[in-house]
Full PDB file with SEQRES, HELIX, SHEET, SSBOND, CRYST1, ORIGX, SCALE, CONECT and MASTER records, all heavy atoms in Angstrom:
SEQRES   1 A   29  GLY PHE ALA TYR GLY TYR ASN PRO SER LYS ILE ALA ASP          
SEQRES   2 A   29  LEU PHE VAL ALA GLY ALA LYS ASP MET ILE PHE ALA ALA          
SEQRES   3 A   29  LEU ILE VAL                                                  
HELIX    1 AA1 PRO A    8  ASP A   21  1                                  14    
HELIX    2 AA2 ILE A   23  ILE A   28  1                                   6    
CRYST1    1.000    1.000    1.000  90.00  90.00  90.00 P 1           1          
ORIGX1      1.000000  0.000000  0.000000        0.00000                         
ORIGX2      0.000000  1.000000  0.000000        0.00000                         
ORIGX3      0.000000  0.000000  1.000000        0.00000                         
SCALE1      1.000000  0.000000  0.000000        0.00000                         
SCALE2      0.000000  1.000000  0.000000        0.00000                         
SCALE3      0.000000  0.000000  1.000000        0.00000                         
ATOM      1  N   GLY A   1      -8.937  -3.458  -5.572  1.00  0.00           N  
ATOM      2  CA  GLY A   1      -8.737  -2.137  -6.033  1.00  0.00           C  
ATOM      3  C   GLY A   1      -9.236  -1.938  -7.460  1.00  0.00           C  
ATOM      4  O   GLY A   1      -9.914  -0.886  -7.777  1.00  0.00           O  
ATOM      5  N   PHE A   2      -8.946  -2.843  -8.334  1.00  0.00           N  
ATOM      6  CA  PHE A   2      -9.442  -2.776  -9.718  1.00  0.00           C  
ATOM      7  C   PHE A   2     -10.941  -2.868  -9.749  1.00  0.00           C  
ATOM      8  O   PHE A   2     -11.629  -2.115 -10.498  1.00  0.00           O  
ATOM      9  CB  PHE A   2      -8.853  -3.915 -10.568  1.00  0.00           C  
ATOM     10  CG  PHE A   2      -7.435  -3.648 -11.045  1.00  0.00           C  
ATOM     11  CD1 PHE A   2      -6.420  -4.527 -10.769  1.00  0.00           C  
ATOM     12  CD2 PHE A   2      -7.130  -2.519 -11.805  1.00  0.00           C  
ATOM     13  CE1 PHE A   2      -5.107  -4.301 -11.204  1.00  0.00           C  
ATOM     14  CE2 PHE A   2      -5.858  -2.260 -12.207  1.00  0.00           C  
ATOM     15  CZ  PHE A   2      -4.836  -3.147 -11.902  1.00  0.00           C  
ATOM     16  N   ALA A   3     -11.528  -3.764  -8.946  1.00  0.00           N  
ATOM     17  CA  ALA A   3     -12.967  -3.964  -8.937  1.00  0.00           C  
ATOM     18  C   ALA A   3     -13.682  -2.638  -8.447  1.00  0.00           C  
ATOM     19  O   ALA A   3     -14.772  -2.350  -8.917  1.00  0.00           O  
ATOM     20  CB  ALA A   3     -13.382  -5.091  -7.986  1.00  0.00           C  
ATOM     21  N   TYR A   4     -13.040  -1.893  -7.599  1.00  0.00           N  
ATOM     22  CA  TYR A   4     -13.645  -0.655  -7.115  1.00  0.00           C  
ATOM     23  C   TYR A   4     -13.487   0.514  -8.139  1.00  0.00           C  
ATOM     24  O   TYR A   4     -14.160   1.532  -7.970  1.00  0.00           O  
ATOM     25  CB  TYR A   4     -13.016  -0.259  -5.751  1.00  0.00           C  
ATOM     26  CG  TYR A   4     -13.812   0.777  -5.032  1.00  0.00           C  
ATOM     27  CD1 TYR A   4     -15.020   0.455  -4.400  1.00  0.00           C  
ATOM     28  CD2 TYR A   4     -13.370   2.072  -4.955  1.00  0.00           C  
ATOM     29  CE1 TYR A   4     -15.799   1.418  -3.775  1.00  0.00           C  
ATOM     30  CE2 TYR A   4     -14.097   3.077  -4.297  1.00  0.00           C  
ATOM     31  CZ  TYR A   4     -15.351   2.713  -3.691  1.00  0.00           C  
ATOM     32  OH  TYR A   4     -16.076   3.663  -3.046  1.00  0.00           O  
ATOM     33  N   GLY A   5     -12.609   0.291  -9.087  1.00  0.00           N  
ATOM     34  CA  GLY A   5     -12.504   1.333 -10.158  1.00  0.00           C  
ATOM     35  C   GLY A   5     -11.172   2.092 -10.123  1.00  0.00           C  
ATOM     36  O   GLY A   5     -10.984   3.069 -10.822  1.00  0.00           O  
ATOM     37  N   TYR A   6     -10.237   1.660  -9.225  1.00  0.00           N  
ATOM     38  CA  TYR A   6      -8.946   2.329  -9.152  1.00  0.00           C  
ATOM     39  C   TYR A   6      -8.092   1.942 -10.397  1.00  0.00           C  
ATOM     40  O   TYR A   6      -8.143   0.784 -10.816  1.00  0.00           O  
ATOM     41  CB  TYR A   6      -8.187   1.998  -7.909  1.00  0.00           C  
ATOM     42  CG  TYR A   6      -8.854   2.500  -6.640  1.00  0.00           C  
ATOM     43  CD1 TYR A   6      -8.748   1.762  -5.425  1.00  0.00           C  
ATOM     44  CD2 TYR A   6      -9.534   3.697  -6.598  1.00  0.00           C  
ATOM     45  CE1 TYR A   6      -9.330   2.248  -4.275  1.00  0.00           C  
ATOM     46  CE2 TYR A   6     -10.105   4.179  -5.427  1.00  0.00           C  
ATOM     47  CZ  TYR A   6     -10.011   3.444  -4.265  1.00  0.00           C  
ATOM     48  OH  TYR A   6     -10.585   3.894  -3.131  1.00  0.00           O  
ATOM     49  N   ASN A   7      -7.275   2.887 -10.821  1.00  0.00           N  
ATOM     50  CA  ASN A   7      -6.347   2.541 -11.923  1.00  0.00           C  
ATOM     51  C   ASN A   7      -5.083   1.984 -11.297  1.00  0.00           C  
ATOM     52  O   ASN A   7      -4.839   2.061 -10.089  1.00  0.00           O  
ATOM     53  CB  ASN A   7      -6.065   3.759 -12.794  1.00  0.00           C  
ATOM     54  CG  ASN A   7      -5.406   4.893 -12.025  1.00  0.00           C  
ATOM     55  OD1 ASN A   7      -4.473   4.716 -11.242  1.00  0.00           O  
ATOM     56  ND2 ASN A   7      -5.892   6.121 -12.256  1.00  0.00           N  
ATOM     57  N   PRO A   8      -4.186   1.378 -12.119  1.00  0.00           N  
ATOM     58  CA  PRO A   8      -2.965   0.730 -11.597  1.00  0.00           C  
ATOM     59  C   PRO A   8      -2.092   1.671 -10.782  1.00  0.00           C  
ATOM     60  O   PRO A   8      -1.546   1.237  -9.696  1.00  0.00           O  
ATOM     61  CB  PRO A   8      -2.252   0.252 -12.824  1.00  0.00           C  
ATOM     62  CG  PRO A   8      -3.314   0.032 -13.831  1.00  0.00           C  
ATOM     63  CD  PRO A   8      -4.319   1.129 -13.570  1.00  0.00           C  
ATOM     64  N   SER A   9      -2.001   2.911 -11.211  1.00  0.00           N  
ATOM     65  CA  SER A   9      -1.085   3.858 -10.464  1.00  0.00           C  
ATOM     66  C   SER A   9      -1.658   4.186  -9.075  1.00  0.00           C  
ATOM     67  O   SER A   9      -0.940   4.282  -8.090  1.00  0.00           O  
ATOM     68  CB  SER A   9      -0.911   5.174 -11.234  1.00  0.00           C  
ATOM     69  OG  SER A   9      -0.212   4.853 -12.432  1.00  0.00           O  
ATOM     70  N   LYS A  10      -2.983   4.343  -8.985  1.00  0.00           N  
ATOM     71  CA  LYS A  10      -3.656   4.589  -7.719  1.00  0.00           C  
ATOM     72  C   LYS A  10      -3.456   3.413  -6.732  1.00  0.00           C  
ATOM     73  O   LYS A  10      -3.104   3.629  -5.591  1.00  0.00           O  
ATOM     74  CB  LYS A  10      -5.166   4.797  -7.952  1.00  0.00           C  
ATOM     75  CG  LYS A  10      -5.990   4.906  -6.711  1.00  0.00           C  
ATOM     76  CD  LYS A  10      -5.857   6.231  -6.003  1.00  0.00           C  
ATOM     77  CE  LYS A  10      -6.930   6.370  -4.899  1.00  0.00           C  
ATOM     78  NZ  LYS A  10      -6.786   7.593  -4.118  1.00  0.00           N  
ATOM     79  N   ILE A  11      -3.580   2.207  -7.303  1.00  0.00           N  
ATOM     80  CA  ILE A  11      -3.397   1.009  -6.447  1.00  0.00           C  
ATOM     81  C   ILE A  11      -1.967   0.954  -5.951  1.00  0.00           C  
ATOM     82  O   ILE A  11      -1.718   0.644  -4.756  1.00  0.00           O  
ATOM     83  CB  ILE A  11      -3.775  -0.287  -7.247  1.00  0.00           C  
ATOM     84  CG1 ILE A  11      -5.277  -0.296  -7.501  1.00  0.00           C  
ATOM     85  CG2 ILE A  11      -3.356  -1.508  -6.482  1.00  0.00           C  
ATOM     86  CD1 ILE A  11      -5.695  -1.355  -8.501  1.00  0.00           C  
ATOM     87  N   ALA A  12      -1.004   1.213  -6.851  1.00  0.00           N  
ATOM     88  CA  ALA A  12       0.405   1.223  -6.449  1.00  0.00           C  
ATOM     89  C   ALA A  12       0.720   2.237  -5.363  1.00  0.00           C  
ATOM     90  O   ALA A  12       1.418   1.940  -4.393  1.00  0.00           O  
ATOM     91  CB  ALA A  12       1.300   1.437  -7.682  1.00  0.00           C  
ATOM     92  N   ASP A  13       0.176   3.455  -5.523  1.00  0.00           N  
ATOM     93  CA  ASP A  13       0.391   4.506  -4.533  1.00  0.00           C  
ATOM     94  C   ASP A  13      -0.166   4.102  -3.192  1.00  0.00           C  
ATOM     95  O   ASP A  13       0.517   4.283  -2.136  1.00  0.00           O  
ATOM     96  CB  ASP A  13      -0.292   5.850  -4.952  1.00  0.00           C  
ATOM     97  CG  ASP A  13       0.479   6.551  -6.089  1.00  0.00           C  
ATOM     98  OD1 ASP A  13       1.689   6.233  -6.247  1.00  0.00           O  
ATOM     99  OD2 ASP A  13      -0.146   7.388  -6.803  1.00  0.00           O  
ATOM    100  N   LEU A  14      -1.364   3.557  -3.177  1.00  0.00           N  
ATOM    101  CA  LEU A  14      -1.976   3.114  -1.910  1.00  0.00           C  
ATOM    102  C   LEU A  14      -1.168   1.967  -1.278  1.00  0.00           C  
ATOM    103  O   LEU A  14      -0.983   1.941  -0.041  1.00  0.00           O  
ATOM    104  CB  LEU A  14      -3.414   2.662  -2.133  1.00  0.00           C  
ATOM    105  CG  LEU A  14      -4.447   3.785  -2.474  1.00  0.00           C  
ATOM    106  CD1 LEU A  14      -5.772   3.156  -2.912  1.00  0.00           C  
ATOM    107  CD2 LEU A  14      -4.645   4.671  -1.260  1.00  0.00           C  
ATOM    108  N   PHE A  15      -0.744   1.013  -2.130  1.00  0.00           N  
ATOM    109  CA  PHE A  15       0.010  -0.106  -1.614  1.00  0.00           C  
ATOM    110  C   PHE A  15       1.322   0.311  -0.945  1.00  0.00           C  
ATOM    111  O   PHE A  15       1.660  -0.134   0.167  1.00  0.00           O  
ATOM    112  CB  PHE A  15       0.310  -1.071  -2.761  1.00  0.00           C  
ATOM    113  CG  PHE A  15       0.643  -2.486  -2.295  1.00  0.00           C  
ATOM    114  CD1 PHE A  15      -0.311  -3.471  -2.234  1.00  0.00           C  
ATOM    115  CD2 PHE A  15       1.967  -2.791  -1.945  1.00  0.00           C  
ATOM    116  CE1 PHE A  15       0.017  -4.726  -1.780  1.00  0.00           C  
ATOM    117  CE2 PHE A  15       2.294  -4.067  -1.465  1.00  0.00           C  
ATOM    118  CZ  PHE A  15       1.262  -5.056  -1.406  1.00  0.00           C  
ATOM    119  N   VAL A  16       2.024   1.253  -1.647  1.00  0.00           N  
ATOM    120  CA  VAL A  16       3.276   1.723  -1.063  1.00  0.00           C  
ATOM    121  C   VAL A  16       3.051   2.484   0.231  1.00  0.00           C  
ATOM    122  O   VAL A  16       3.804   2.346   1.225  1.00  0.00           O  
ATOM    123  CB  VAL A  16       4.012   2.623  -2.107  1.00  0.00           C  
ATOM    124  CG1 VAL A  16       5.197   3.338  -1.430  1.00  0.00           C  
ATOM    125  CG2 VAL A  16       4.491   1.792  -3.265  1.00  0.00           C  
ATOM    126  N   ALA A  17       1.993   3.334   0.273  1.00  0.00           N  
ATOM    127  CA  ALA A  17       1.690   4.079   1.469  1.00  0.00           C  
ATOM    128  C   ALA A  17       1.341   3.157   2.653  1.00  0.00           C  
ATOM    129  O   ALA A  17       1.821   3.355   3.784  1.00  0.00           O  
ATOM    130  CB  ALA A  17       0.478   4.982   1.226  1.00  0.00           C  
ATOM    131  N   GLY A  18       0.617   2.068   2.379  1.00  0.00           N  
ATOM    132  CA  GLY A  18       0.275   1.075   3.431  1.00  0.00           C  
ATOM    133  C   GLY A  18       1.510   0.365   3.918  1.00  0.00           C  
ATOM    134  O   GLY A  18       1.678   0.119   5.129  1.00  0.00           O  
ATOM    135  N   ALA A  19       2.378  -0.069   2.991  1.00  0.00           N  
ATOM    136  CA  ALA A  19       3.596  -0.768   3.345  1.00  0.00           C  
ATOM    137  C   ALA A  19       4.475   0.146   4.203  1.00  0.00           C  
ATOM    138  O   ALA A  19       5.116  -0.286   5.171  1.00  0.00           O  
ATOM    139  CB  ALA A  19       4.320  -1.216   2.106  1.00  0.00           C  
ATOM    140  N   LYS A  20       4.527   1.440   3.863  1.00  0.00           N  
ATOM    141  CA  LYS A  20       5.353   2.399   4.538  1.00  0.00           C  
ATOM    142  C   LYS A  20       4.919   2.493   6.045  1.00  0.00           C  
ATOM    143  O   LYS A  20       5.747   2.654   6.901  1.00  0.00           O  
ATOM    144  CB  LYS A  20       5.259   3.755   3.877  1.00  0.00           C  
ATOM    145  CG  LYS A  20       6.408   4.717   4.137  1.00  0.00           C  
ATOM    146  CD  LYS A  20       6.215   6.038   3.527  1.00  0.00           C  
ATOM    147  CE  LYS A  20       6.211   5.943   2.012  1.00  0.00           C  
ATOM    148  NZ  LYS A  20       6.007   7.342   1.363  1.00  0.00           N  
ATOM    149  N   ASP A  21       3.621   2.421   6.265  1.00  0.00           N  
ATOM    150  CA  ASP A  21       3.072   2.531   7.616  1.00  0.00           C  
ATOM    151  C   ASP A  21       3.518   1.299   8.490  1.00  0.00           C  
ATOM    152  O   ASP A  21       3.390   1.346   9.742  1.00  0.00           O  
ATOM    153  CB  ASP A  21       1.571   2.591   7.598  1.00  0.00           C  
ATOM    154  CG  ASP A  21       1.105   3.955   7.117  1.00  0.00           C  
ATOM    155  OD1 ASP A  21       1.860   4.896   7.148  1.00  0.00           O  
ATOM    156  OD2 ASP A  21      -0.097   4.048   6.694  1.00  0.00           O  
ATOM    157  N   MET A  22       3.945   0.246   7.819  1.00  0.00           N  
ATOM    158  CA  MET A  22       4.302  -0.985   8.544  1.00  0.00           C  
ATOM    159  C   MET A  22       5.769  -1.094   8.871  1.00  0.00           C  
ATOM    160  O   MET A  22       6.219  -2.132   9.378  1.00  0.00           O  
ATOM    161  CB  MET A  22       3.898  -2.216   7.699  1.00  0.00           C  
ATOM    162  CG  MET A  22       2.421  -2.363   7.485  1.00  0.00           C  
ATOM    163  SD  MET A  22       1.504  -2.744   9.018  1.00  0.00           S  
ATOM    164  CE  MET A  22       0.650  -1.241   9.220  1.00  0.00           C  
ATOM    165  N   ILE A  23       6.581  -0.058   8.573  1.00  0.00           N  
ATOM    166  CA  ILE A  23       8.023  -0.146   8.755  1.00  0.00           C  
ATOM    167  C   ILE A  23       8.373  -0.463  10.229  1.00  0.00           C  
ATOM    168  O   ILE A  23       9.189  -1.315  10.523  1.00  0.00           O  
ATOM    169  CB  ILE A  23       8.711   1.148   8.300  1.00  0.00           C  
ATOM    170  CG1 ILE A  23       8.681   1.239   6.765  1.00  0.00           C  
ATOM    171  CG2 ILE A  23      10.158   1.212   8.816  1.00  0.00           C  
ATOM    172  CD1 ILE A  23       9.173   2.541   6.211  1.00  0.00           C  
ATOM    173  N   PHE A  24       7.783   0.246  11.155  1.00  0.00           N  
ATOM    174  CA  PHE A  24       8.082   0.013  12.582  1.00  0.00           C  
ATOM    175  C   PHE A  24       7.764  -1.430  12.955  1.00  0.00           C  
ATOM    176  O   PHE A  24       8.571  -2.093  13.595  1.00  0.00           O  
ATOM    177  CB  PHE A  24       7.185   0.987  13.435  1.00  0.00           C  
ATOM    178  CG  PHE A  24       7.414   0.847  14.921  1.00  0.00           C  
ATOM    179  CD1 PHE A  24       8.478   1.500  15.540  1.00  0.00           C  
ATOM    180  CD2 PHE A  24       6.611  -0.026  15.654  1.00  0.00           C  
ATOM    181  CE1 PHE A  24       8.685   1.392  16.882  1.00  0.00           C  
ATOM    182  CE2 PHE A  24       6.812  -0.110  17.020  1.00  0.00           C  
ATOM    183  CZ  PHE A  24       7.842   0.547  17.654  1.00  0.00           C  
ATOM    184  N   ALA A  25       6.585  -1.923  12.531  1.00  0.00           N  
ATOM    185  CA  ALA A  25       6.186  -3.291  12.861  1.00  0.00           C  
ATOM    186  C   ALA A  25       7.114  -4.314  12.219  1.00  0.00           C  
ATOM    187  O   ALA A  25       7.519  -5.317  12.860  1.00  0.00           O  
ATOM    188  CB  ALA A  25       4.771  -3.523  12.450  1.00  0.00           C  
ATOM    189  N   ALA A  26       7.488  -4.072  10.970  1.00  0.00           N  
ATOM    190  CA  ALA A  26       8.353  -5.038  10.249  1.00  0.00           C  
ATOM    191  C   ALA A  26       9.705  -5.109  10.857  1.00  0.00           C  
ATOM    192  O   ALA A  26      10.300  -6.201  10.959  1.00  0.00           O  
ATOM    193  CB  ALA A  26       8.389  -4.697   8.774  1.00  0.00           C  
ATOM    194  N   LEU A  27      10.300  -3.958  11.179  1.00  0.00           N  
ATOM    195  CA  LEU A  27      11.628  -3.934  11.760  1.00  0.00           C  
ATOM    196  C   LEU A  27      11.706  -4.590  13.149  1.00  0.00           C  
ATOM    197  O   LEU A  27      12.700  -5.164  13.562  1.00  0.00           O  
ATOM    198  CB  LEU A  27      12.206  -2.487  11.795  1.00  0.00           C  
ATOM    199  CG  LEU A  27      12.491  -1.829  10.442  1.00  0.00           C  
ATOM    200  CD1 LEU A  27      12.961  -0.415  10.659  1.00  0.00           C  
ATOM    201  CD2 LEU A  27      13.556  -2.630   9.680  1.00  0.00           C  
ATOM    202  N   ILE A  28      10.682  -4.353  13.920  1.00  0.00           N  
ATOM    203  CA  ILE A  28      10.715  -4.779  15.292  1.00  0.00           C  
ATOM    204  C   ILE A  28      10.745  -6.340  15.407  1.00  0.00           C  
ATOM    205  O   ILE A  28      11.346  -6.869  16.342  1.00  0.00           O  
ATOM    206  CB  ILE A  28       9.485  -4.226  16.063  1.00  0.00           C  
ATOM    207  CG1 ILE A  28       9.870  -4.000  17.522  1.00  0.00           C  
ATOM    208  CG2 ILE A  28       8.268  -5.159  15.959  1.00  0.00           C  
ATOM    209  CD1 ILE A  28       8.892  -3.063  18.255  1.00  0.00           C  
ATOM    210  N   VAL A  29      10.222  -7.028  14.380  1.00  0.00           N  
ATOM    211  CA  VAL A  29      10.309  -8.473  14.392  1.00  0.00           C  
ATOM    212  C   VAL A  29      11.766  -8.919  14.314  1.00  0.00           C  
ATOM    213  O   VAL A  29      12.187  -9.869  15.039  1.00  0.00           O  
ATOM    214  CB  VAL A  29       9.501  -9.040  13.214  1.00  0.00           C  
ATOM    215  CG1 VAL A  29       9.648 -10.569  13.154  1.00  0.00           C  
ATOM    216  CG2 VAL A  29       8.045  -8.677  13.322  1.00  0.00           C  
TER     217      VAL A  29                                                      
MASTER        0    0    0    2    0    0    0    6  216    1    0    3          
END                                                                             
């Protein structure tokens, strides 16, 4: 993310959004 030019807040937002999409998968385990 840093290498592509994203700032820390942008990376954090993307990371949280991606983790959120995994809730169903994580709970099912």
